[in-house]
Amino acid sequence: MDGAAVAISFKDMEPDEDVRDLVAKRLAALAADFPEPTHIEVTLAPDGTGFTAHAHVTGRATDLAASAAGAELGLAADRLLDKLVHQLRRAHEKRLFASRRAKRQDHPKRRPR
């Protein structure tokens, strides 16, 4: 991946290479879309009734955490990655467009009514 270090771990279970490949592909696409993350850590584990997935993303002006659960391991991982994309998109747009909004508010032609 382009600069983003990725760690995918399985806790209290045998590693599933199909799920690991799925998560790695989606994380590669995520790292290509968002330049902010420098380290992404994903942990997949069983719980009493299904599986849980946890992620922590750190990087330039980014520090996010997300978790999801599902009846199957792949489902939990998909839900987690969907949440990560949503959170990263919000953080990216907030950082990117904050200066534009500030400049627009300070524009001399904008007059209070």
C-alpha atoms as a PDB file:
ATOM      1  CA  MET A   1       0.000   0.000   0.000  1.00  0.00           C
ATOM      2  CA  ASP A   2       1.031   3.584  -0.571  1.00  0.00           C
ATOM      3  CA  GLY A   3       2.607   4.521   2.739  1.00  0.00           C
ATOM      4  CA  ALA A   4      -0.035   3.035   5.024  1.00  0.00           C
ATOM      5  CA  ALA A   5       1.164   0.233   7.265  1.00  0.00           C
ATOM      6  CA  VAL A   6      -1.533  -2.395   7.752  1.00  0.00           C
ATOM      7  CA  ALA A   7      -1.795  -5.000  10.505  1.00  0.00           C
ATOM      8  CA  ILE A   8      -4.542  -7.637  10.355  1.00  0.00           C
ATOM      9  CA  SER A   9      -4.713  -9.963  13.338  1.00  0.00           C
ATOM     10  CA  PHE A  10      -6.974 -12.763  14.514  1.00  0.00           C
ATOM     11  CA  LYS A  11      -7.545 -13.059  18.252  1.00  0.00           C
ATOM     12  CA  ASP A  12      -8.464 -16.389  19.874  1.00  0.00           C
ATOM     13  CA  MET A  13      -9.005 -18.134  16.522  1.00  0.00           C
ATOM     14  CA  GLU A  14      -7.159 -19.594  13.571  1.00  0.00           C
ATOM     15  CA  PRO A  15      -6.348 -17.089  10.792  1.00  0.00           C
ATOM     16  CA  ASP A  16      -8.707 -17.195   7.819  1.00  0.00           C
ATOM     17  CA  GLU A  17      -6.706 -16.334   4.692  1.00  0.00           C
ATOM     18  CA  ASP A  18      -9.789 -15.601   2.566  1.00  0.00           C
ATOM     19  CA  VAL A  19     -10.983 -12.985   5.042  1.00  0.00           C
ATOM     20  CA  ARG A  20      -7.443 -11.625   5.422  1.00  0.00           C
ATOM     21  CA  ASP A  21      -7.208 -11.161   1.629  1.00  0.00           C
ATOM     22  CA  LEU A  22     -10.639  -9.496   1.504  1.00  0.00           C
ATOM     23  CA  VAL A  23      -9.705  -7.072   4.283  1.00  0.00           C
ATOM     24  CA  ALA A  24      -6.291  -6.359   2.750  1.00  0.00           C
ATOM     25  CA  LYS A  25      -7.854  -5.529  -0.643  1.00  0.00           C
ATOM     26  CA  ARG A  26     -10.425  -3.195   0.880  1.00  0.00           C
ATOM     27  CA  LEU A  27      -7.775  -1.525   3.032  1.00  0.00           C
ATOM     28  CA  ALA A  28      -5.592  -1.020  -0.052  1.00  0.00           C
ATOM     29  CA  ALA A  29      -8.492   0.745  -1.770  1.00  0.00           C
ATOM     30  CA  LEU A  30      -9.137   2.778   1.374  1.00  0.00           C
ATOM     31  CA  ALA A  31      -5.480   3.848   1.583  1.00  0.00           C
ATOM     32  CA  ALA A  32      -5.545   4.842  -2.102  1.00  0.00           C
ATOM     33  CA  ASP A  33      -8.648   7.019  -1.590  1.00  0.00           C
ATOM     34  CA  PHE A  34      -7.526   8.705   1.630  1.00  0.00           C
ATOM     35  CA  PRO A  35      -3.916   9.909   2.028  1.00  0.00           C
ATOM     36  CA  GLU A  36      -4.234  10.698   5.754  1.00  0.00           C
ATOM     37  CA  PRO A  37      -3.912   7.217   7.340  1.00  0.00           C
ATOM     38  CA  THR A  38      -0.376   6.012   7.996  1.00  0.00           C
ATOM     39  CA  HIS A  39      -1.193   2.995  10.184  1.00  0.00           C
ATOM     40  CA  ILE A  40      -4.305   0.792  10.103  1.00  0.00           C
ATOM     41  CA  GLU A  41      -4.765  -2.011  12.608  1.00  0.00           C
ATOM     42  CA  VAL A  42      -7.658  -4.501  12.300  1.00  0.00           C
ATOM     43  CA  THR A  43      -8.422  -7.200  14.870  1.00  0.00           C
ATOM     44  CA  LEU A  44     -10.956  -9.957  14.205  1.00  0.00           C
ATOM     45  CA  ALA A  45     -12.196 -12.150  17.059  1.00  0.00           C
ATOM     46  CA  PRO A  46     -15.044 -14.494  17.950  1.00  0.00           C
ATOM     47  CA  ASP A  47     -17.554 -13.521  20.604  1.00  0.00           C
ATOM     48  CA  GLY A  48     -20.331 -15.535  22.201  1.00  0.00           C
ATOM     49  CA  THR A  49     -22.742 -15.535  19.268  1.00  0.00           C
ATOM     50  CA  GLY A  50     -20.702 -14.453  16.248  1.00  0.00           C
ATOM     51  CA  PHE A  51     -17.654 -12.376  15.459  1.00  0.00           C
ATOM     52  CA  THR A  52     -16.417  -8.882  16.232  1.00  0.00           C
ATOM     53  CA  ALA A  53     -14.072  -6.674  14.254  1.00  0.00           C
ATOM     54  CA  HIS A  54     -12.162  -3.697  15.652  1.00  0.00           C
ATOM     55  CA  ALA A  55     -10.020  -1.164  13.807  1.00  0.00           C
ATOM     56  CA  HIS A  56      -7.783   1.710  14.779  1.00  0.00           C
ATOM     57  CA  VAL A  57      -6.545   4.216  12.197  1.00  0.00           C
ATOM     58  CA  THR A  58      -3.812   6.742  12.911  1.00  0.00           C
ATOM     59  CA  GLY A  59      -2.058   9.204  10.683  1.00  0.00           C
ATOM     60  CA  ARG A  60      -1.788  12.826   9.651  1.00  0.00           C
ATOM     61  CA  ALA A  61      -4.591  14.630  11.487  1.00  0.00           C
ATOM     62  CA  THR A  62      -6.432  11.306  11.801  1.00  0.00           C
ATOM     63  CA  ASP A  63      -7.110   9.166  14.848  1.00  0.00           C
ATOM     64  CA  LEU A  64     -10.193   6.989  14.402  1.00  0.00           C
ATOM     65  CA  ALA A  65     -11.555   3.812  15.929  1.00  0.00           C
ATOM     66  CA  ALA A  66     -14.436   1.626  14.817  1.00  0.00           C
ATOM     67  CA  SER A  67     -15.971  -1.723  15.683  1.00  0.00           C
ATOM     68  CA  ALA A  68     -18.636  -3.966  14.225  1.00  0.00           C
ATOM     69  CA  ALA A  69     -20.185  -7.362  14.822  1.00  0.00           C
ATOM     70  CA  GLY A  70     -21.692 -10.024  12.612  1.00  0.00           C
ATOM     71  CA  ALA A  71     -22.849 -13.604  12.551  1.00  0.00           C
ATOM     72  CA  GLU A  72     -20.009 -14.504  10.174  1.00  0.00           C
ATOM     73  CA  LEU A  73     -16.401 -13.341  10.152  1.00  0.00           C
ATOM     74  CA  GLY A  74     -16.599 -11.847   6.657  1.00  0.00           C
ATOM     75  CA  LEU A  75     -19.795  -9.971   7.519  1.00  0.00           C
ATOM     76  CA  ALA A  76     -18.221  -8.424  10.609  1.00  0.00           C
ATOM     77  CA  ALA A  77     -15.180  -7.378   8.564  1.00  0.00           C
ATOM     78  CA  ASP A  78     -17.374  -5.837   5.811  1.00  0.00           C
ATOM     79  CA  ARG A  79     -19.409  -3.862   8.326  1.00  0.00           C
ATOM     80  CA  LEU A  80     -16.232  -2.623   9.982  1.00  0.00           C
ATOM     81  CA  LEU A  81     -14.697  -1.486   6.701  1.00  0.00           C
ATOM     82  CA  ASP A  82     -17.924   0.301   5.714  1.00  0.00           C
ATOM     83  CA  LYS A  83     -17.813   2.209   9.001  1.00  0.00           C
ATOM     84  CA  LEU A  84     -14.152   3.082   8.471  1.00  0.00           C
ATOM     85  CA  VAL A  85     -14.837   4.440   4.989  1.00  0.00           C
ATOM     86  CA  HIS A  86     -17.680   6.575   6.346  1.00  0.00           C
ATOM     87  CA  GLN A  87     -15.563   7.964   9.204  1.00  0.00           C
ATOM     88  CA  LEU A  88     -12.535   8.622   6.998  1.00  0.00           C
ATOM     89  CA  ARG A  89     -14.673  10.375   4.388  1.00  0.00           C
ATOM     90  CA  ARG A  90     -16.193  12.651   7.040  1.00  0.00           C
ATOM     91  CA  ALA A  91     -12.785  13.478   8.539  1.00  0.00           C
ATOM     92  CA  HIS A  92     -11.236  14.038   5.104  1.00  0.00           C
ATOM     93  CA  GLU A  93     -14.014  16.353   3.920  1.00  0.00           C
ATOM     94  CA  LYS A  94     -14.046  18.251   7.191  1.00  0.00           C
ATOM     95  CA  ARG A  95     -10.318  18.896   6.962  1.00  0.00           C
ATOM     96  CA  LEU A  96     -10.357  19.657   3.242  1.00  0.00           C
ATOM     97  CA  PHE A  97     -13.343  21.990   3.121  1.00  0.00           C
ATOM     98  CA  ALA A  98     -12.925  23.810   6.455  1.00  0.00           C
ATOM     99  CA  SER A  99     -10.578  26.386   4.979  1.00  0.00           C
ATOM    100  CA  ARG A 100     -12.860  26.912   1.974  1.00  0.00           C
ATOM    101  CA  ARG A 101     -15.845  27.543   4.232  1.00  0.00           C
ATOM    102  CA  ALA A 102     -13.831  29.989   6.341  1.00  0.00           C
ATOM    103  CA  LYS A 103     -12.673  31.914   3.274  1.00  0.00           C
ATOM    104  CA  ARG A 104     -16.206  32.081   1.902  1.00  0.00           C
ATOM    105  CA  GLN A 105     -17.513  33.473   5.201  1.00  0.00           C
ATOM    106  CA  ASP A 106     -14.795  36.165   5.264  1.00  0.00           C
ATOM    107  CA  HIS A 107     -15.336  37.241   1.668  1.00  0.00           C
ATOM    108  CA  PRO A 108     -15.763  41.045   1.410  1.00  0.00           C
ATOM    109  CA  LYS A 109     -18.814  40.776  -0.896  1.00  0.00           C
ATOM    110  CA  ARG A 110     -20.724  38.763   1.706  1.00  0.00           C
ATOM    111  CA  ARG A 111     -22.637  41.208   3.799  1.00  0.00           C
ATOM    112  CA  PRO A 112     -24.826  40.390   6.731  1.00  0.00           C
ATOM    113  CA  ARG A 113     -28.491  41.017   6.096  1.00  0.00           C
END
